[in-house]
Amino acid sequence: ENIEDLCKDADKDLSGKVGKDELWKALTEGEIAYKLTLEAIGQKKPALNTTECQKDDLIAFLRAEYNTSGALWSLPQTCILFLAFFISMTAHLGISGSYLMQNGII
């Protein structure tokens, strides 16, 4: 049974024949060889619940989410800051009062 699974794992091009390079790759890097090695040393592949994920997957997701939300917030943030600057500049300078004083002098 394990030999048949190993041959299926090795036959990547689905030709029905296993070459020496395919067999070597299956023995050294294949999923079946990995599973057999873990069983031989008494360890099992860690099973994840449906509510769990790998740490690397979580970090990659959080980085992508941070970059996406940062990019989406940059334009509204810039517009709000520009509007706040414009309002505070207008209130500070008192443009209408300055205009009336200048017209009164002339």
N, C-alpha and C. Protein backbone atom coordinates (compact mmCIF):
# COMPACT_ATOMS: atom_id res chain seq x y z
N GLU A 1 0.83 -1.21 0.00
CA GLU A 1 0.00 0.00 0.00
C GLU A 1 0.87 1.26 0.00
N ASN A 2 1.89 1.29 0.85
CA ASN A 2 2.77 2.46 0.89
C ASN A 2 3.56 2.61 -0.40
N ILE A 3 3.94 1.49 -1.02
CA ILE A 3 4.68 1.54 -2.27
C ILE A 3 3.81 2.13 -3.38
N GLU A 4 2.54 1.72 -3.41
CA GLU A 4 1.63 2.26 -4.44
C GLU A 4 1.42 3.76 -4.23
N ASP A 5 1.25 4.16 -2.99
CA ASP A 5 1.09 5.59 -2.70
C ASP A 5 2.35 6.37 -3.07
N LEU A 6 3.51 5.76 -2.80
CA LEU A 6 4.77 6.41 -3.15
C LEU A 6 4.90 6.56 -4.66
N CYS A 7 4.50 5.54 -5.41
CA CYS A 7 4.56 5.62 -6.88
C CYS A 7 3.59 6.67 -7.41
N LYS A 8 2.40 6.76 -6.82
CA LYS A 8 1.45 7.80 -7.24
C LYS A 8 1.99 9.19 -6.93
N ASP A 9 2.65 9.32 -5.79
CA ASP A 9 3.24 10.60 -5.42
C ASP A 9 4.40 10.96 -6.34
N ALA A 10 5.15 9.94 -6.79
CA ALA A 10 6.31 10.18 -7.64
C ALA A 10 5.92 10.52 -9.07
N ASP A 11 4.81 10.00 -9.56
CA ASP A 11 4.41 10.18 -10.96
C ASP A 11 3.74 11.54 -11.14
N LYS A 12 4.56 12.58 -11.21
CA LYS A 12 4.04 13.95 -11.33
C LYS A 12 3.50 14.26 -12.72
N ASP A 13 4.08 13.65 -13.75
CA ASP A 13 3.62 13.95 -15.12
C ASP A 13 2.47 13.05 -15.56
N LEU A 14 1.99 12.17 -14.66
CA LEU A 14 0.84 11.29 -14.90
C LEU A 14 1.01 10.41 -16.14
N SER A 15 2.24 9.95 -16.36
CA SER A 15 2.50 9.09 -17.51
C SER A 15 2.27 7.62 -17.17
N GLY A 16 2.15 7.28 -15.92
CA GLY A 16 1.99 5.89 -15.51
C GLY A 16 3.33 5.22 -15.27
N LYS A 17 4.42 5.90 -15.55
CA LYS A 17 5.77 5.37 -15.35
C LYS A 17 6.52 6.31 -14.41
N VAL A 18 7.37 5.71 -13.60
CA VAL A 18 8.15 6.49 -12.64
C VAL A 18 9.61 6.39 -13.03
N GLY A 19 10.21 7.52 -13.32
CA GLY A 19 11.63 7.57 -13.65
C GLY A 19 12.48 7.65 -12.40
N LYS A 20 13.79 7.50 -12.56
CA LYS A 20 14.67 7.51 -11.39
C LYS A 20 14.69 8.88 -10.72
N ASP A 21 14.60 9.95 -11.51
CA ASP A 21 14.59 11.29 -10.91
C ASP A 21 13.29 11.53 -10.14
N GLU A 22 12.18 11.07 -10.72
CA GLU A 22 10.88 11.24 -10.03
C GLU A 22 10.86 10.43 -8.74
N LEU A 23 11.41 9.20 -8.78
CA LEU A 23 11.43 8.36 -7.58
C LEU A 23 12.32 8.99 -6.51
N TRP A 24 13.48 9.50 -6.91
CA TRP A 24 14.38 10.13 -5.94
C TRP A 24 13.71 11.35 -5.30
N LYS A 25 13.04 12.14 -6.13
CA LYS A 25 12.36 13.32 -5.60
C LYS A 25 11.23 12.91 -4.64
N ALA A 26 10.50 11.86 -4.99
CA ALA A 26 9.42 11.39 -4.11
C ALA A 26 9.97 10.85 -2.80
N LEU A 27 11.12 10.17 -2.86
CA LEU A 27 11.70 9.62 -1.63
C LEU A 27 12.28 10.71 -0.74
N THR A 28 12.82 11.76 -1.33
CA THR A 28 13.46 12.79 -0.52
C THR A 28 12.55 13.97 -0.19
N GLU A 29 11.59 14.29 -1.08
CA GLU A 29 10.78 15.48 -0.86
C GLU A 29 9.27 15.23 -0.90
N GLY A 30 8.87 14.01 -1.13
CA GLY A 30 7.45 13.72 -1.32
C GLY A 30 6.65 13.71 -0.03
N GLU A 31 5.36 13.86 -0.19
CA GLU A 31 4.44 13.89 0.95
C GLU A 31 4.35 12.52 1.62
N ILE A 32 4.33 11.47 0.84
CA ILE A 32 4.23 10.12 1.40
C ILE A 32 5.49 9.78 2.19
N ALA A 33 6.65 10.12 1.66
CA ALA A 33 7.91 9.88 2.38
C ALA A 33 7.94 10.66 3.69
N TYR A 34 7.44 11.87 3.65
CA TYR A 34 7.38 12.69 4.86
C TYR A 34 6.47 12.03 5.91
N LYS A 35 5.32 11.56 5.45
CA LYS A 35 4.38 10.91 6.36
C LYS A 35 4.97 9.63 6.94
N LEU A 36 5.63 8.82 6.11
CA LEU A 36 6.24 7.58 6.58
C LEU A 36 7.37 7.86 7.57
N THR A 37 8.15 8.91 7.31
CA THR A 37 9.23 9.27 8.22
C THR A 37 8.69 9.69 9.58
N LEU A 38 7.63 10.48 9.58
CA LEU A 38 7.03 10.90 10.85
C LEU A 38 6.46 9.71 11.61
N GLU A 39 5.84 8.79 10.90
CA GLU A 39 5.30 7.60 11.56
C GLU A 39 6.43 6.75 12.13
N ALA A 40 7.55 6.68 11.40
CA ALA A 40 8.68 5.85 11.86
C ALA A 40 9.31 6.40 13.13
N ILE A 41 9.35 7.69 13.28
CA ILE A 41 9.95 8.26 14.50
C ILE A 41 8.92 8.51 15.59
N GLY A 42 7.68 8.13 15.34
CA GLY A 42 6.65 8.21 16.37
C GLY A 42 5.95 9.54 16.49
N GLN A 43 6.07 10.37 15.50
CA GLN A 43 5.38 11.65 15.53
C GLN A 43 4.30 11.67 14.47
N LYS A 44 3.32 12.43 14.70
CA LYS A 44 2.25 12.61 13.71
C LYS A 44 2.26 14.05 13.26
N LYS A 45 1.78 14.26 12.06
CA LYS A 45 1.66 15.62 11.54
C LYS A 45 0.64 16.36 12.39
N PRO A 46 0.97 17.54 12.86
CA PRO A 46 0.02 18.26 13.73
C PRO A 46 -1.27 18.58 12.98
N ALA A 47 -2.36 18.22 13.62
CA ALA A 47 -3.66 18.50 13.02
C ALA A 47 -4.18 19.83 13.53
N LEU A 48 -4.79 20.59 12.64
CA LEU A 48 -5.35 21.88 13.02
C LEU A 48 -6.87 21.78 13.09
N ASN A 49 -7.40 22.47 14.07
CA ASN A 49 -8.86 22.59 14.13
C ASN A 49 -9.31 23.60 13.08
N THR A 50 -10.61 23.65 12.84
CA THR A 50 -11.11 24.61 11.86
C THR A 50 -10.99 26.04 12.36
N THR A 51 -10.79 26.22 13.66
CA THR A 51 -10.67 27.57 14.21
C THR A 51 -9.21 27.97 14.42
N GLU A 52 -8.26 27.14 13.97
CA GLU A 52 -6.85 27.43 14.15
C GLU A 52 -6.17 27.65 12.81
N CYS A 53 -5.02 28.31 12.86
CA CYS A 53 -4.23 28.50 11.65
C CYS A 53 -2.75 28.50 12.03
N GLN A 54 -1.91 28.39 11.02
CA GLN A 54 -0.48 28.42 11.26
C GLN A 54 -0.04 29.85 11.57
N LYS A 55 1.01 29.97 12.36
CA LYS A 55 1.51 31.28 12.76
C LYS A 55 1.97 32.10 11.55
N ASP A 56 2.68 31.46 10.63
CA ASP A 56 3.17 32.17 9.44
C ASP A 56 2.02 32.67 8.57
N ASP A 57 0.95 31.86 8.46
CA ASP A 57 -0.22 32.28 7.68
C ASP A 57 -0.90 33.48 8.34
N LEU A 58 -0.98 33.47 9.65
CA LEU A 58 -1.60 34.58 10.38
C LEU A 58 -0.79 35.86 10.21
N ILE A 59 0.53 35.76 10.31
CA ILE A 59 1.38 36.94 10.15
C ILE A 59 1.27 37.50 8.74
N ALA A 60 1.26 36.61 7.75
CA ALA A 60 1.12 37.07 6.36
C ALA A 60 -0.23 37.76 6.14
N PHE A 61 -1.29 37.20 6.72
CA PHE A 61 -2.61 37.83 6.58
C PHE A 61 -2.64 39.19 7.26
N LEU A 62 -2.09 39.28 8.45
CA LEU A 62 -2.11 40.56 9.17
C LEU A 62 -1.29 41.63 8.45
N ARG A 63 -0.16 41.23 7.87
CA ARG A 63 0.64 42.21 7.11
C ARG A 63 -0.12 42.70 5.88
N ALA A 64 -0.76 41.78 5.17
CA ALA A 64 -1.53 42.17 3.98
C ALA A 64 -2.70 43.06 4.38
N GLU A 65 -3.36 42.73 5.46
CA GLU A 65 -4.50 43.54 5.93
C GLU A 65 -4.04 44.93 6.36
N TYR A 66 -2.89 45.01 7.04
CA TYR A 66 -2.36 46.29 7.47
C TYR A 66 -2.01 47.16 6.27
N ASN A 67 -1.36 46.56 5.27
CA ASN A 67 -0.99 47.32 4.07
C ASN A 67 -2.23 47.79 3.31
N THR A 68 -3.23 46.93 3.20
CA THR A 68 -4.45 47.29 2.48
C THR A 68 -5.21 48.39 3.19
N SER A 69 -5.40 48.25 4.49
CA SER A 69 -6.15 49.27 5.22
C SER A 69 -5.37 50.58 5.28
N GLY A 70 -4.04 50.51 5.34
CA GLY A 70 -3.24 51.72 5.32
C GLY A 70 -3.36 52.46 4.00
N ALA A 71 -3.38 51.70 2.91
CA ALA A 71 -3.52 52.32 1.59
C ALA A 71 -4.91 52.90 1.41
N LEU A 72 -5.92 52.23 1.93
CA LEU A 72 -7.29 52.72 1.79
C LEU A 72 -7.55 53.95 2.64
N TRP A 73 -6.83 54.12 3.74
CA TRP A 73 -7.07 55.24 4.64
C TRP A 73 -6.26 56.47 4.24
N SER A 74 -5.25 56.33 3.38
CA SER A 74 -4.36 57.46 3.11
C SER A 74 -5.06 58.62 2.40
N LEU A 75 -5.92 58.37 1.43
CA LEU A 75 -6.60 59.46 0.73
C LEU A 75 -7.61 60.17 1.63
N PRO A 76 -8.53 59.46 2.32
CA PRO A 76 -9.43 60.18 3.22
C PRO A 76 -8.70 60.94 4.33
N GLN A 77 -7.63 60.35 4.84
CA GLN A 77 -6.87 61.03 5.89
C GLN A 77 -6.25 62.32 5.35
N THR A 78 -5.72 62.27 4.15
CA THR A 78 -5.12 63.46 3.55
C THR A 78 -6.17 64.54 3.33
N CYS A 79 -7.34 64.15 2.84
CA CYS A 79 -8.41 65.14 2.62
C CYS A 79 -8.88 65.77 3.92
N ILE A 80 -9.04 64.96 4.95
CA ILE A 80 -9.49 65.49 6.25
C ILE A 80 -8.44 66.43 6.84
N LEU A 81 -7.17 66.05 6.75
CA LEU A 81 -6.12 66.92 7.28
C LEU A 81 -6.02 68.22 6.50
N PHE A 82 -6.18 68.17 5.18
CA PHE A 82 -6.14 69.39 4.39
C PHE A 82 -7.33 70.29 4.75
N LEU A 83 -8.51 69.72 4.92
CA LEU A 83 -9.69 70.50 5.30
C LEU A 83 -9.49 71.13 6.68
N ALA A 84 -8.94 70.36 7.62
CA ALA A 84 -8.68 70.91 8.96
C ALA A 84 -7.65 72.04 8.88
N PHE A 85 -6.62 71.87 8.07
CA PHE A 85 -5.63 72.93 7.90
C PHE A 85 -6.27 74.17 7.30
N PHE A 86 -7.10 74.00 6.27
CA PHE A 86 -7.73 75.13 5.62
C PHE A 86 -8.66 75.88 6.58
N ILE A 87 -9.43 75.15 7.36
CA ILE A 87 -10.34 75.78 8.33
C ILE A 87 -9.55 76.53 9.40
N SER A 88 -8.52 75.90 9.94
CA SER A 88 -7.74 76.58 10.99
C SER A 88 -6.97 77.77 10.42
N MET A 89 -6.50 77.69 9.19
CA MET A 89 -5.82 78.81 8.57
C MET A 89 -6.79 79.97 8.35
N THR A 90 -7.98 79.68 7.88
CA THR A 90 -8.99 80.71 7.65
C THR A 90 -9.39 81.38 8.97
N ALA A 91 -9.57 80.58 10.02
CA ALA A 91 -9.96 81.13 11.31
C ALA A 91 -8.81 81.96 11.91
N HIS A 92 -7.62 81.54 11.73
CA HIS A 92 -6.48 82.24 12.32
C HIS A 92 -6.19 83.56 11.59
N LEU A 93 -6.26 83.54 10.29
CA LEU A 93 -5.91 84.74 9.54
C LEU A 93 -7.00 85.81 9.56
N GLY A 94 -8.24 85.44 9.70
CA GLY A 94 -9.33 86.40 9.68
C GLY A 94 -9.37 87.15 8.35
N ILE A 95 -9.48 86.44 7.28
CA ILE A 95 -9.39 87.03 5.95
C ILE A 95 -10.47 88.07 5.71
N SER A 96 -11.69 87.82 6.15
CA SER A 96 -12.77 88.79 5.90
C SER A 96 -12.52 90.10 6.65
N GLY A 97 -12.04 90.03 7.89
CA GLY A 97 -11.72 91.25 8.64
C GLY A 97 -10.57 92.02 8.01
N SER A 98 -9.58 91.30 7.54
CA SER A 98 -8.46 91.95 6.85
C SER A 98 -8.92 92.63 5.58
N TYR A 99 -9.83 92.03 4.87
CA TYR A 99 -10.34 92.61 3.63
C TYR A 99 -11.11 93.90 3.93
N LEU A 100 -11.93 93.87 4.99
CA LEU A 100 -12.69 95.08 5.34
C LEU A 100 -11.77 96.21 5.81
N MET A 101 -10.71 95.88 6.55
CA MET A 101 -9.76 96.91 6.99
C MET A 101 -9.04 97.53 5.80
N GLN A 102 -8.65 96.67 4.86
CA GLN A 102 -7.95 97.17 3.69
C GLN A 102 -8.85 98.08 2.87
N ASN A 103 -10.11 97.73 2.71
CA ASN A 103 -11.06 98.58 1.97
C ASN A 103 -11.33 99.87 2.72
N GLY A 104 -11.29 99.84 4.05
CA GLY A 104 -11.52 101.06 4.82
C GLY A 104 -10.37 102.04 4.71
N ILE A 105 -9.17 101.53 4.56
CA ILE A 105 -7.99 102.38 4.45
C ILE A 105 -7.94 103.05 3.09
N ILE A 106 -8.33 102.33 2.06
CA ILE A 106 -8.22 102.85 0.71
C ILE A 106 -9.29 103.84 0.45
